[in-house]
Amino acid sequence: MTAFDERNWRWREVHVAPAQVPSPRPALGKAIELLAPFAVAGLLFLWGNIIIACVAASVGVFLAGCKWLAPSWHSLIFLLLTSLGRWLSRAVSRVALSIVYFLVFMPAALLARLTGRDELHLRRPAHCESYWVNIPAYDRRRVFAKPFFIETVVEQSRTGGRVFRVGRSLAFFMFILVAVNWGGGFFYHWATKQSHPLADHEDYRNLSWAATYWREHNESSVTKYRPFVGWSRLDYKGQYVNITDGCRKTFQSAAQSDKPTIVYVFGGSTIWGTGARDDYTIPSCLTRIADQQGIPLRVSNFGEAGYVNWQNVIHLAELCANGQVPDLVIFYEGCNDAIAKLQTPELERVHQNFSSWERRNGSQHRHLGIPDEMVNWLSYHSLARMVRDRILTPRTDDAPQLSPDQLQHLAAEVVETYEENARFVRALGERYGFQSRFFWQPIVYTKSNPSQQEQSYRTSFGEPLAEIYRIATARIRESTLIHDLSKSYDGADKAVYIDFAHVSEEGNAIIAAKIFDRIEGDMIERIELAQKAPIQ
């Protein structure tokens, strides 16, 4: 007789305590209940979400009014909210447990299967012929006390050998990873309805083309390794973003000429045109202004996100060596050079993200026979790429604190490097027969009258970048090689910045007009010389 059968199992009645009147909730609980919406509204207001904060405050006022004027409605509302909370808890728990199952238990089980481990001791002992456990006889009058039997189904014979089972497990595991990677990324973009943090910027909310543009902007951001330069975007065709051989499409001049002036424009993402359509980037606006003056230009936009001046100089030298010589070269630099110097102050002529750029740029996909459109789609919807970019993207605002002397030294190095590069390009121009102009770009730290929205951008990269850029700008104003455009937006009627450096399409037009004023004389002089030249 086992210890189980020796137990005296009997039905016992459960003593039920008499019903008690529920004690009223303490005053602190009532205060928290009433003040919680206002506390949430205050936090949202501090974070800059003024509209949502007003909605939360309105909800708090409504609930407080119901509490005092219509207690029954107040109780009904909280009953509905409680029911909703229970339903959400069930839904969230199922989702969370599913995520844990697929991301924790399933990989662990697959690894255990591959390595032959049995941590739960589920295998049938070799000396047993069945999973059934023999138990002693029991009294049928006490069926309610019957324990649970171990009634595991006898393990069936498996088809195939160990290699087949391992291959099948690996294939299933890879299928799960692929489904989670691209399925999760696709669901994320579908749920958020945006492809870029600036897509929700107030300047783009009421623009019909904004959603399509930001989606194309993100899809076209897939890069490949470019020898000696660093990275370059793959070819892309869209409605508002078009890239061919690393050159973004620009506005086509309507002025007729057998030999238009060929202009190359180099710079970072501000020249490439983050936040602007193809026909409204700085190079496109420059072409449009010259077209209105009857000056035919053929402008090529060689800007690329993150490029510093030295990368653009190398790119220009490569084009000239290949026989693609322009008539005029325009460099629009400053911001990326200061950021790169702040990231790696010990190096000169270094691009941004020096420590991680090699990991973030793969080899060319064309050698694998994969179409660029498919590569763009897969990279855009890859959940792994999103996580990688979030982890590997350096944060300049986490840079160590620098002394005033160190800031002065770094700013001086930025300006000296820019001037040395300008001398090199001028020497290259004398050899290949082109002119060059260098411009120092404005960013939000150089604007003397920023709007309230632009004031919030000043904290994007911290005070070290702001101080370096202010010192460098003061030195640029004394330079004879570089034109200072840092005050171009001081007279703007409205905000032009959409973040700490990029501007709206109206801002691009302002810069293009400033650049055209500096090069108009060169264009007119070249046209006159071409007209006087004898016809061969």
Protein backbone atom coordinates (compact mmCIF):
# COMPACT_ATOMS: atom_id res chain seq x y z
CA MET A 1 0.00 0.00 0.00
CA THR A 2 1.42 3.33 -1.01
CA ALA A 3 1.36 6.55 0.94
CA PHE A 4 -1.17 7.85 -1.55
CA ASP A 5 -3.73 5.15 -0.69
CA GLU A 6 -3.17 5.56 3.05
CA ARG A 7 -4.48 9.09 2.93
CA ASN A 8 -7.99 9.61 4.22
CA TRP A 9 -9.57 11.67 1.49
CA ARG A 10 -12.96 13.07 2.46
CA TRP A 11 -15.19 15.80 1.18
CA ARG A 12 -14.93 18.86 3.31
CA GLU A 13 -17.15 21.87 3.20
CA VAL A 14 -15.40 25.18 2.79
CA HIS A 15 -16.27 27.74 5.38
CA VAL A 16 -17.62 30.90 3.78
CA ALA A 17 -17.18 34.13 5.69
CA PRO A 18 -20.18 36.41 5.92
CA ALA A 19 -20.41 39.15 3.35
CA GLN A 20 -18.73 42.33 4.37
CA VAL A 21 -19.33 45.82 3.17
CA PRO A 22 -16.28 46.86 1.15
CA SER A 23 -14.30 49.53 2.85
CA PRO A 24 -14.07 52.80 0.97
CA ARG A 25 -10.88 53.50 -0.93
CA PRO A 26 -8.39 55.73 0.85
CA ALA A 27 -8.15 59.37 -0.07
CA LEU A 28 -4.69 58.84 -1.57
CA GLY A 29 -6.09 56.34 -4.08
CA LYS A 30 -8.80 58.78 -5.12
CA ALA A 31 -6.26 61.57 -5.52
CA ILE A 32 -4.02 59.38 -7.70
CA GLU A 33 -7.02 58.36 -9.79
CA LEU A 34 -7.97 61.99 -10.46
CA LEU A 35 -4.46 63.42 -10.88
CA ALA A 36 -2.98 60.65 -13.06
CA PRO A 37 -4.20 62.15 -16.40
CA PHE A 38 -2.81 65.57 -15.45
CA ALA A 39 0.56 64.02 -14.50
CA VAL A 40 0.69 62.30 -17.89
CA ALA A 41 -0.25 65.57 -19.59
CA GLY A 42 2.57 67.36 -17.77
CA LEU A 43 5.15 64.80 -18.88
CA LEU A 44 3.93 64.96 -22.47
CA PHE A 45 4.15 68.76 -22.39
CA LEU A 46 7.75 68.59 -21.13
CA TRP A 47 8.60 66.16 -23.94
CA GLY A 48 7.20 68.55 -26.54
CA ASN A 49 3.99 66.65 -27.43
CA ILE A 50 1.74 69.62 -26.81
CA ILE A 51 -1.30 68.34 -28.74
CA ILE A 52 -1.34 64.96 -27.01
CA ALA A 53 -0.76 66.69 -23.66
CA CYS A 54 -3.85 68.84 -24.23
CA VAL A 55 -5.86 65.71 -25.04
CA ALA A 56 -4.68 64.01 -21.82
CA ALA A 57 -5.53 67.12 -19.78
CA SER A 58 -8.99 67.25 -21.37
CA VAL A 59 -9.57 63.62 -20.42
CA GLY A 60 -8.56 64.46 -16.84
CA VAL A 61 -10.99 67.39 -16.69
CA PHE A 62 -13.78 65.20 -18.09
CA LEU A 63 -13.18 62.42 -15.55
CA ALA A 64 -12.99 64.89 -12.67
CA GLY A 65 -16.28 66.46 -13.76
CA CYS A 66 -17.95 63.04 -13.93
CA LYS A 67 -16.60 62.21 -10.48
CA TRP A 68 -18.40 65.13 -8.86
CA LEU A 69 -21.39 65.69 -11.14
CA ALA A 70 -22.27 62.16 -12.30
CA PRO A 71 -20.71 59.48 -10.03
CA SER A 72 -22.63 56.69 -11.76
CA TRP A 73 -21.14 57.63 -15.13
CA HIS A 74 -17.72 57.82 -13.51
CA SER A 75 -18.09 54.28 -12.14
CA LEU A 76 -19.31 53.01 -15.51
CA ILE A 77 -16.34 54.57 -17.31
CA PHE A 78 -13.86 52.98 -14.91
CA LEU A 79 -15.67 49.66 -15.21
CA LEU A 80 -15.29 49.82 -19.00
CA LEU A 81 -11.63 50.84 -18.67
CA THR A 82 -11.03 47.94 -16.28
CA SER A 83 -12.63 45.51 -18.73
CA LEU A 84 -10.54 46.97 -21.54
CA GLY A 85 -7.42 46.61 -19.39
CA ARG A 86 -8.18 42.96 -18.73
CA TRP A 87 -8.73 42.31 -22.43
CA LEU A 88 -5.50 44.10 -23.33
CA SER A 89 -3.61 42.17 -20.67
CA ARG A 90 -4.82 38.91 -22.17
CA ALA A 91 -3.90 39.99 -25.68
CA VAL A 92 -0.50 41.35 -24.65
CA SER A 93 0.26 38.27 -22.59
CA ARG A 94 -0.44 36.04 -25.56
CA VAL A 95 1.72 38.17 -27.82
CA ALA A 96 4.52 38.33 -25.25
CA LEU A 97 4.40 34.60 -24.59
CA SER A 98 4.41 33.93 -28.34
CA ILE A 99 7.51 36.11 -28.74
CA VAL A 100 9.22 34.31 -25.84
CA TYR A 101 8.24 30.95 -27.33
CA PHE A 102 9.56 31.68 -30.82
CA LEU A 103 12.67 33.64 -29.76
CA VAL A 104 13.68 31.69 -26.63
CA PHE A 105 12.14 28.26 -26.25
CA MET A 106 12.08 27.26 -29.91
CA PRO A 107 15.78 28.13 -30.59
CA ALA A 108 16.75 26.43 -27.30
CA ALA A 109 14.80 23.31 -28.25
CA LEU A 110 16.35 23.25 -31.72
CA LEU A 111 19.84 23.58 -30.27
CA ALA A 112 19.06 20.80 -27.79
CA ARG A 113 17.89 18.60 -30.64
CA LEU A 114 21.02 19.35 -32.66
CA THR A 115 23.37 18.65 -29.74
CA GLY A 116 21.46 15.61 -28.50
CA ARG A 117 20.76 17.01 -25.02
CA ASP A 118 17.73 16.03 -22.93
CA GLU A 119 17.64 18.49 -20.02
CA LEU A 120 14.03 17.61 -19.09
CA HIS A 121 14.75 13.85 -19.14
CA LEU A 122 11.87 13.13 -21.48
CA ARG A 123 13.46 10.15 -23.14
CA ARG A 124 12.11 6.71 -22.24
CA PRO A 125 14.63 4.66 -20.24
CA ALA A 126 16.19 1.85 -22.19
CA HIS A 127 14.88 -0.85 -19.81
CA CYS A 128 11.24 0.33 -20.13
CA GLU A 129 8.90 -0.73 -22.91
CA SER A 130 6.28 1.97 -22.27
CA TYR A 131 5.77 5.40 -20.77
CA TRP A 132 2.95 4.05 -18.58
CA VAL A 133 3.61 4.10 -14.84
CA ASN A 134 2.29 1.22 -12.76
CA ILE A 135 0.36 2.43 -9.74
CA PRO A 136 -1.35 0.42 -7.01
CA ALA A 137 -5.08 -0.21 -6.95
CA TYR A 138 -7.25 2.58 -5.65
CA ASP A 139 -10.70 2.94 -4.18
CA ARG A 140 -13.14 3.84 -6.97
CA ARG A 141 -15.30 5.68 -4.44
CA ARG A 142 -12.55 8.24 -4.23
CA VAL A 143 -12.02 8.89 -7.91
CA PHE A 144 -11.82 12.62 -7.24
CA ALA A 145 -8.45 12.03 -5.57
CA LYS A 146 -6.92 10.27 -8.55
CA PRO A 147 -3.55 11.79 -9.49
CA PHE A 148 -2.57 12.68 -13.01
CA PHE A 149 -1.04 9.80 -14.91
CA ILE A 150 1.98 10.20 -17.10
CA GLU A 151 0.31 9.32 -20.33
CA THR A 152 2.85 10.42 -22.89
CA VAL A 153 2.36 8.90 -26.31
CA VAL A 154 4.95 6.31 -27.13
CA GLU A 155 7.65 7.86 -29.27
CA GLN A 156 7.20 6.87 -32.86
CA SER A 157 10.05 5.81 -35.07
CA ARG A 158 11.65 8.68 -36.89
CA THR A 159 12.18 8.65 -40.63
CA GLY A 160 15.57 9.37 -42.03
CA GLY A 161 18.95 9.46 -40.37
CA ARG A 162 20.63 12.02 -38.11
CA VAL A 163 21.86 14.12 -41.04
CA PHE A 164 18.33 14.40 -42.37
CA ARG A 165 16.96 15.43 -38.97
CA VAL A 166 19.70 18.02 -38.46
CA GLY A 167 19.13 19.46 -41.94
CA ARG A 168 15.39 19.60 -41.41
CA SER A 169 15.82 21.39 -38.07
CA LEU A 170 18.27 23.91 -39.57
CA ALA A 171 15.96 24.60 -42.52
CA PHE A 172 13.01 25.14 -40.20
CA PHE A 173 15.09 27.40 -37.95
CA MET A 174 16.27 29.50 -40.91
CA PHE A 175 12.71 29.76 -42.17
CA ILE A 176 11.61 31.11 -38.79
CA LEU A 177 14.45 33.67 -38.77
CA VAL A 178 13.65 34.86 -42.30
CA ALA A 179 9.95 35.14 -41.50
CA VAL A 180 10.59 37.08 -38.29
CA ASN A 181 13.17 39.37 -39.97
CA TRP A 182 11.21 40.49 -43.01
CA GLY A 183 7.75 39.88 -41.61
CA GLY A 184 8.55 41.95 -38.53
CA GLY A 185 10.12 44.72 -40.62
CA PHE A 186 7.19 44.82 -43.02
CA PHE A 187 4.72 44.95 -40.13
CA TYR A 188 6.73 47.74 -38.47
CA HIS A 189 6.64 49.95 -41.56
CA TRP A 190 2.98 49.15 -42.13
CA ALA A 191 2.12 49.99 -38.51
CA THR A 192 4.16 53.21 -38.28
CA LYS A 193 3.14 54.46 -41.76
CA GLN A 194 6.42 56.37 -42.10
CA SER A 195 9.93 55.68 -43.33
CA HIS A 196 11.94 58.42 -41.67
CA PRO A 197 11.89 60.31 -38.35
CA LEU A 198 11.31 63.57 -40.23
CA ALA A 199 8.19 62.19 -41.93
CA ASP A 200 6.12 63.45 -39.01
CA HIS A 201 7.73 66.91 -39.08
CA GLU A 202 5.20 69.73 -38.97
CA ASP A 203 6.48 71.14 -42.30
CA TYR A 204 5.53 67.89 -44.09
CA ARG A 205 2.23 66.92 -42.46
CA ASN A 206 0.05 68.75 -44.96
CA LEU A 207 2.10 68.01 -48.08
CA SER A 208 0.59 65.42 -50.40
CA TRP A 209 3.98 64.19 -51.61
CA ALA A 210 5.66 63.88 -48.20
CA ALA A 211 4.73 60.26 -47.40
CA THR A 212 5.89 59.01 -50.80
CA TYR A 213 9.07 61.06 -50.64
CA TRP A 214 10.16 59.81 -47.20
CA ARG A 215 9.46 56.23 -48.21
CA GLU A 216 11.63 56.67 -51.32
CA HIS A 217 14.26 58.46 -49.25
CA ASN A 218 14.62 55.49 -46.95
CA GLU A 219 14.47 52.92 -49.74
CA SER A 220 17.21 54.76 -51.67
CA SER A 221 19.54 54.88 -48.65
CA VAL A 222 21.00 51.43 -49.40
CA THR A 223 24.73 51.88 -50.04
CA LYS A 224 27.60 49.86 -51.46
CA TYR A 225 31.33 50.09 -50.88
CA ARG A 226 33.05 52.61 -53.13
CA PRO A 227 36.85 52.24 -53.45
CA PHE A 228 38.85 55.01 -51.76
CA VAL A 229 35.73 57.10 -51.19
CA GLY A 230 33.77 55.00 -48.70
CA TRP A 231 30.16 54.39 -49.63
CA SER A 232 27.78 55.26 -52.42
CA ARG A 233 24.07 54.72 -52.95
CA LEU A 234 22.76 52.12 -55.32
CA ASP A 235 20.81 53.19 -58.39
CA TYR A 236 17.21 54.01 -57.55
CA LYS A 237 14.15 55.10 -59.54
CA GLY A 238 11.19 56.71 -57.83
CA GLN A 239 8.72 59.52 -58.20
CA TYR A 240 10.71 62.10 -56.22
CA VAL A 241 14.12 60.40 -55.70
CA ASN A 242 16.20 59.16 -58.64
CA ILE A 243 19.86 58.12 -58.49
CA THR A 244 22.13 56.96 -61.31
CA ASP A 245 25.79 56.03 -60.74
CA GLY A 246 25.83 57.83 -57.39
CA CYS A 247 24.49 61.07 -58.90
CA ARG A 248 21.04 62.35 -57.97
CA LYS A 249 18.78 63.71 -60.68
CA THR A 250 18.63 67.51 -61.01
CA PHE A 251 16.35 70.01 -62.72
CA GLN A 252 16.94 70.21 -66.48
CA SER A 253 17.64 73.68 -67.87
CA ALA A 254 15.35 74.94 -70.62
CA ALA A 255 17.98 77.37 -71.96
CA GLN A 256 19.31 76.14 -75.28
CA SER A 257 23.04 75.98 -75.87
CA ASP A 258 25.42 73.81 -77.87
CA LYS A 259 27.84 73.75 -74.96
CA PRO A 260 26.26 74.48 -71.57
CA THR A 261 28.42 75.13 -68.56
CA ILE A 262 29.09 71.84 -66.77
CA VAL A 263 28.88 72.27 -63.01
CA TYR A 264 29.67 69.61 -60.40
CA VAL A 265 28.27 70.15 -56.90
CA PHE A 266 29.75 68.22 -53.97
CA GLY A 267 28.69 68.04 -50.35
CA GLY A 268 26.91 65.93 -47.76
CA SER A 269 23.24 65.17 -47.24
CA THR A 270 22.33 68.86 -47.44
CA ILE A 271 23.55 68.96 -51.04
CA TRP A 272 22.09 65.53 -51.77
CA GLY A 273 18.79 67.01 -50.64
CA THR A 274 17.46 65.33 -47.50
CA GLY A 275 13.92 66.64 -47.15
CA ALA A 276 13.61 67.83 -50.77
CA ARG A 277 12.44 66.34 -54.05
CA ASP A 278 14.77 65.95 -57.02
CA ASP A 279 13.78 69.26 -58.61
CA TYR A 280 14.12 71.24 -55.36
CA THR A 281 17.58 70.36 -54.08
CA ILE A 282 20.27 73.05 -53.96
CA PRO A 283 21.78 71.97 -57.34
CA SER A 284 18.31 71.92 -58.93
CA CYS A 285 17.46 75.35 -57.53
CA LEU A 286 20.80 76.63 -58.82
CA THR A 287 19.96 75.36 -62.31
CA ARG A 288 16.52 76.97 -62.16
CA ILE A 289 17.93 80.37 -61.12
CA ALA A 290 20.54 80.29 -63.92
CA ASP A 291 17.84 79.25 -66.38
CA GLN A 292 15.80 82.33 -65.45
CA GLN A 293 18.86 84.48 -66.22
CA GLY A 294 19.35 82.79 -69.59
CA ILE A 295 22.53 81.00 -68.49
CA PRO A 296 22.49 77.34 -69.58
CA LEU A 297 23.89 75.01 -66.93
CA ARG A 298 24.19 71.25 -66.70
CA VAL A 299 24.51 70.60 -62.99
CA SER A 300 25.43 67.21 -61.52
CA ASN A 301 24.56 66.53 -57.89
CA PHE A 302 27.35 64.37 -56.40
CA GLY A 303 26.31 64.96 -52.80
CA GLU A 304 26.18 61.96 -50.48
CA ALA A 305 24.97 61.59 -46.91
CA GLY A 306 27.75 61.82 -44.35
CA TYR A 307 30.51 62.83 -46.79
CA VAL A 308 33.28 65.11 -45.55
CA ASN A 309 35.21 67.44 -47.83
CA TRP A 310 38.15 65.09 -48.41
CA GLN A 311 35.84 62.32 -49.64
CA ASN A 312 34.39 64.73 -52.19
CA VAL A 313 37.87 65.82 -53.26
CA ILE A 314 38.84 62.20 -53.90
CA HIS A 315 35.61 61.72 -55.85
CA LEU A 316 36.39 64.78 -58.00
CA ALA A 317 39.93 63.54 -58.68
CA GLU A 318 38.53 60.17 -59.74
CA LEU A 319 36.09 61.82 -62.17
CA CYS A 320 38.84 63.97 -63.69
CA ALA A 321 41.12 60.95 -64.05
CA ASN A 322 38.33 59.21 -65.96
CA GLY A 323 37.97 62.17 -68.35
CA GLN A 324 34.80 63.65 -66.77
CA VAL A 325 36.12 67.19 -66.35
CA PRO A 326 33.66 69.99 -65.41
CA ASP A 327 33.84 73.71 -66.05
CA LEU A 328 33.05 74.66 -62.46
CA VAL A 329 33.14 72.73 -59.19
CA ILE A 330 31.17 73.82 -56.11
CA PHE A 331 31.84 72.47 -52.62
CA TYR A 332 29.28 73.07 -49.88
CA GLU A 333 30.77 71.72 -46.65
CA GLY A 334 31.22 72.24 -42.92
CA CYS A 335 28.82 70.25 -40.78
CA ASN A 336 30.04 66.72 -41.54
CA ASP A 337 33.68 67.77 -41.17
CA ALA A 338 33.00 69.11 -37.69
CA ILE A 339 31.09 65.97 -36.67
CA ALA A 340 33.86 63.67 -37.95
CA LYS A 341 36.48 65.69 -36.08
CA LEU A 342 34.45 65.42 -32.90
CA GLN A 343 34.09 61.65 -33.35
CA THR A 344 37.80 60.98 -34.01
CA PRO A 345 39.79 64.04 -32.90
CA GLU A 346 43.12 62.21 -33.18
CA LEU A 347 42.85 61.71 -36.98
CA GLU A 348 42.91 64.10 -39.94
CA ARG A 349 40.94 63.70 -43.17
CA VAL A 350 38.73 61.02 -41.71
CA HIS A 351 35.15 60.33 -42.65
CA GLN A 352 32.28 59.94 -40.22
CA ASN A 353 31.72 56.74 -38.22
CA PHE A 354 35.31 55.65 -38.81
CA SER A 355 35.13 52.78 -36.30
CA SER A 356 32.04 51.13 -37.79
CA TRP A 357 31.64 52.20 -41.42
CA GLU A 358 33.31 49.07 -42.75
CA ARG A 359 30.80 46.83 -40.96
CA ARG A 360 27.85 48.88 -42.16
CA ASN A 361 28.66 48.68 -45.87
CA GLY A 362 28.65 45.32 -47.61
CA SER A 363 30.02 44.28 -50.96
CA GLN A 364 28.25 44.91 -54.23
CA HIS A 365 25.13 42.78 -54.70
CA ARG A 366 25.34 42.88 -58.45
CA HIS A 367 28.04 40.19 -58.40
CA LEU A 368 25.47 37.83 -56.88
CA GLY A 369 22.96 38.51 -59.65
CA ILE A 370 20.42 40.08 -57.29
CA PRO A 371 18.47 43.02 -58.82
CA ASP A 372 18.99 46.35 -57.10
CA GLU A 373 15.23 46.78 -56.61
CA MET A 374 15.08 43.54 -54.62
CA VAL A 375 18.12 44.54 -52.57
CA ASN A 376 16.50 47.89 -51.76
CA TRP A 377 13.23 46.25 -50.72
CA LEU A 378 14.87 43.58 -48.57
CA SER A 379 17.16 46.06 -46.85
CA TYR A 380 14.34 48.52 -46.25
CA HIS A 381 12.11 45.87 -44.61
CA SER A 382 14.84 44.02 -42.72
CA LEU A 383 14.27 44.03 -38.98
CA ALA A 384 17.91 43.03 -38.43
CA ARG A 385 19.11 46.11 -40.35
CA MET A 386 16.94 48.38 -38.22
CA VAL A 387 18.37 46.92 -35.01
CA ARG A 388 21.92 47.04 -36.40
CA ASP A 389 21.61 50.67 -37.41
CA ARG A 390 20.19 51.56 -34.00
CA ILE A 391 23.07 49.80 -32.19
CA LEU A 392 26.00 50.71 -34.45
CA THR A 393 25.12 54.33 -35.20
CA PRO A 394 27.53 56.45 -33.15
CA ARG A 395 26.08 59.17 -31.00
CA THR A 396 28.02 62.39 -31.12
CA ASP A 397 26.10 63.78 -28.15
CA ASP A 398 27.84 61.13 -26.03
CA ALA A 399 31.27 62.55 -26.88
CA PRO A 400 33.53 63.30 -23.90
CA GLN A 401 33.65 66.77 -22.49
CA LEU A 402 36.38 68.90 -24.06
CA SER A 403 38.19 71.86 -22.60
CA PRO A 404 38.06 75.27 -24.31
CA ASP A 405 41.62 74.82 -25.55
CA GLN A 406 40.75 71.44 -27.06
CA LEU A 407 37.70 72.92 -28.79
CA GLN A 408 39.81 75.73 -30.21
CA HIS A 409 42.37 73.22 -31.49
CA LEU A 410 39.78 70.96 -33.13
CA ALA A 411 37.98 73.88 -34.79
CA ALA A 412 41.31 75.17 -36.14
CA GLU A 413 42.09 71.73 -37.60
CA VAL A 414 38.71 71.61 -39.34
CA VAL A 415 39.31 74.98 -41.04
CA GLU A 416 42.95 74.26 -41.90
CA THR A 417 42.04 70.94 -43.50
CA TYR A 418 39.28 72.58 -45.54
CA GLU A 419 41.69 75.30 -46.77
CA GLU A 420 44.39 72.76 -47.63
CA ASN A 421 41.83 70.75 -49.61
CA ALA A 422 40.78 73.95 -51.40
CA ARG A 423 44.40 74.63 -52.44
CA PHE A 424 44.70 71.06 -53.71
CA VAL A 425 41.51 71.36 -55.78
CA ARG A 426 42.65 74.68 -57.26
CA ALA A 427 45.92 73.06 -58.29
CA LEU A 428 43.92 70.22 -59.81
CA GLY A 429 41.77 72.78 -61.62
CA GLU A 430 44.83 74.45 -63.14
CA ARG A 431 45.90 71.08 -64.50
CA TYR A 432 42.50 70.03 -65.89
CA GLY A 433 41.10 73.48 -66.71
CA PHE A 434 38.18 74.05 -64.34
CA GLN A 435 37.32 76.61 -61.71
CA SER A 436 36.32 75.85 -58.12
CA ARG A 437 34.34 77.60 -55.39
CA PHE A 438 34.11 76.59 -51.73
CA PHE A 439 31.27 77.47 -49.37
CA TRP A 440 30.81 77.08 -45.60
CA GLN A 441 27.29 75.87 -44.89
CA PRO A 442 24.94 77.22 -42.20
CA ILE A 443 23.50 75.00 -39.49
CA VAL A 444 21.06 75.78 -36.71
CA TYR A 445 23.86 76.81 -34.33
CA THR A 446 24.84 79.72 -36.59
CA LYS A 447 21.37 81.23 -36.96
CA SER A 448 21.02 84.38 -34.84
CA ASN A 449 17.20 84.40 -34.68
CA PRO A 450 16.03 80.76 -34.51
CA SER A 451 12.34 79.99 -34.09
CA GLN A 452 11.02 78.04 -31.12
CA GLN A 453 11.06 74.83 -33.15
CA GLU A 454 14.62 75.50 -34.35
CA GLN A 455 15.69 76.15 -30.78
CA SER A 456 14.85 72.54 -29.94
CA TYR A 457 17.26 71.31 -32.63
CA ARG A 458 20.23 72.93 -30.89
CA THR A 459 20.42 70.05 -28.42
CA SER A 460 20.66 67.37 -31.13
CA PHE A 461 24.44 66.99 -31.01
CA GLY A 462 25.30 68.69 -27.77
CA GLU A 463 27.31 71.75 -26.91
CA PRO A 464 30.75 70.50 -28.11
CA LEU A 465 29.64 70.47 -31.77
CA ALA A 466 27.97 73.85 -31.38
CA GLU A 467 31.12 75.39 -29.91
CA ILE A 468 33.43 73.83 -32.51
CA TYR A 469 31.23 75.08 -35.32
CA ARG A 470 31.00 78.62 -33.91
CA ILE A 471 34.79 78.84 -33.56
CA ALA A 472 35.35 77.37 -37.03
CA THR A 473 32.81 79.79 -38.55
CA ALA A 474 34.64 82.76 -37.03
CA ARG A 475 37.87 81.54 -38.64
CA ILE A 476 36.15 80.91 -42.00
CA ARG A 477 35.09 84.57 -42.17
CA GLU A 478 38.78 85.51 -42.28
CA SER A 479 39.59 83.01 -45.04
CA THR A 480 40.21 84.09 -48.63
CA LEU A 481 39.56 80.60 -50.03
CA ILE A 482 36.13 79.85 -48.57
CA HIS A 483 32.90 81.82 -48.81
CA ASP A 484 30.90 82.02 -45.59
CA LEU A 485 27.16 81.32 -45.92
CA SER A 486 26.53 80.73 -42.21
CA LYS A 487 24.21 83.77 -41.92
CA SER A 488 22.11 83.01 -44.99
CA TYR A 489 18.96 82.28 -42.96
CA ASP A 490 19.08 85.15 -40.50
CA GLY A 491 16.58 87.16 -42.54
CA ALA A 492 14.20 84.27 -43.24
CA ASP A 493 10.54 85.03 -42.44
CA LYS A 494 9.83 81.53 -41.09
CA ALA A 495 11.67 78.46 -39.87
CA VAL A 496 13.74 76.76 -42.57
CA TYR A 497 15.51 74.02 -40.58
CA ILE A 498 13.86 70.61 -40.28
CA ASP A 499 16.61 69.38 -37.93
CA PHE A 500 20.00 70.67 -36.80
CA ALA A 501 21.43 70.87 -40.36
CA HIS A 502 18.89 69.98 -43.06
CA VAL A 503 16.46 72.56 -44.39
CA SER A 504 13.21 72.71 -46.31
CA GLU A 505 12.90 73.22 -50.06
CA GLU A 506 12.51 76.96 -49.42
CA GLY A 507 15.80 76.90 -47.52
CA ASN A 508 17.52 75.20 -50.46
CA ALA A 509 16.32 77.98 -52.77
CA ILE A 510 17.84 80.62 -50.46
CA ILE A 511 21.24 78.90 -50.47
CA ALA A 512 21.13 78.40 -54.24
CA ALA A 513 20.51 82.13 -54.71
CA LYS A 514 23.48 82.96 -52.45
CA ILE A 515 25.74 80.61 -54.39
CA PHE A 516 24.57 81.96 -57.74
CA ASP A 517 25.41 85.52 -56.68
CA ARG A 518 29.01 84.39 -56.10
CA ILE A 519 29.41 82.47 -59.38
CA GLU A 520 27.31 84.58 -61.75
CA GLY A 521 30.30 86.64 -62.82
CA ASP A 522 32.27 83.49 -63.62
CA MET A 523 29.40 82.13 -65.72
CA ILE A 524 28.98 85.36 -67.70
CA GLU A 525 32.74 85.60 -68.28
CA ARG A 526 32.88 82.04 -69.57
CA ILE A 527 29.95 82.63 -71.95
CA GLU A 528 31.64 85.76 -73.36
CA LEU A 529 34.90 83.89 -73.90
CA ALA A 530 33.04 81.10 -75.65
CA GLN A 531 31.34 83.59 -77.96
CA LYS A 532 34.66 85.26 -78.83
CA ALA A 533 36.44 81.96 -79.47
CA PRO A 534 36.93 81.22 -83.19
CA ILE A 535 34.82 78.49 -84.73
CA GLN A 536 36.92 75.50 -85.66
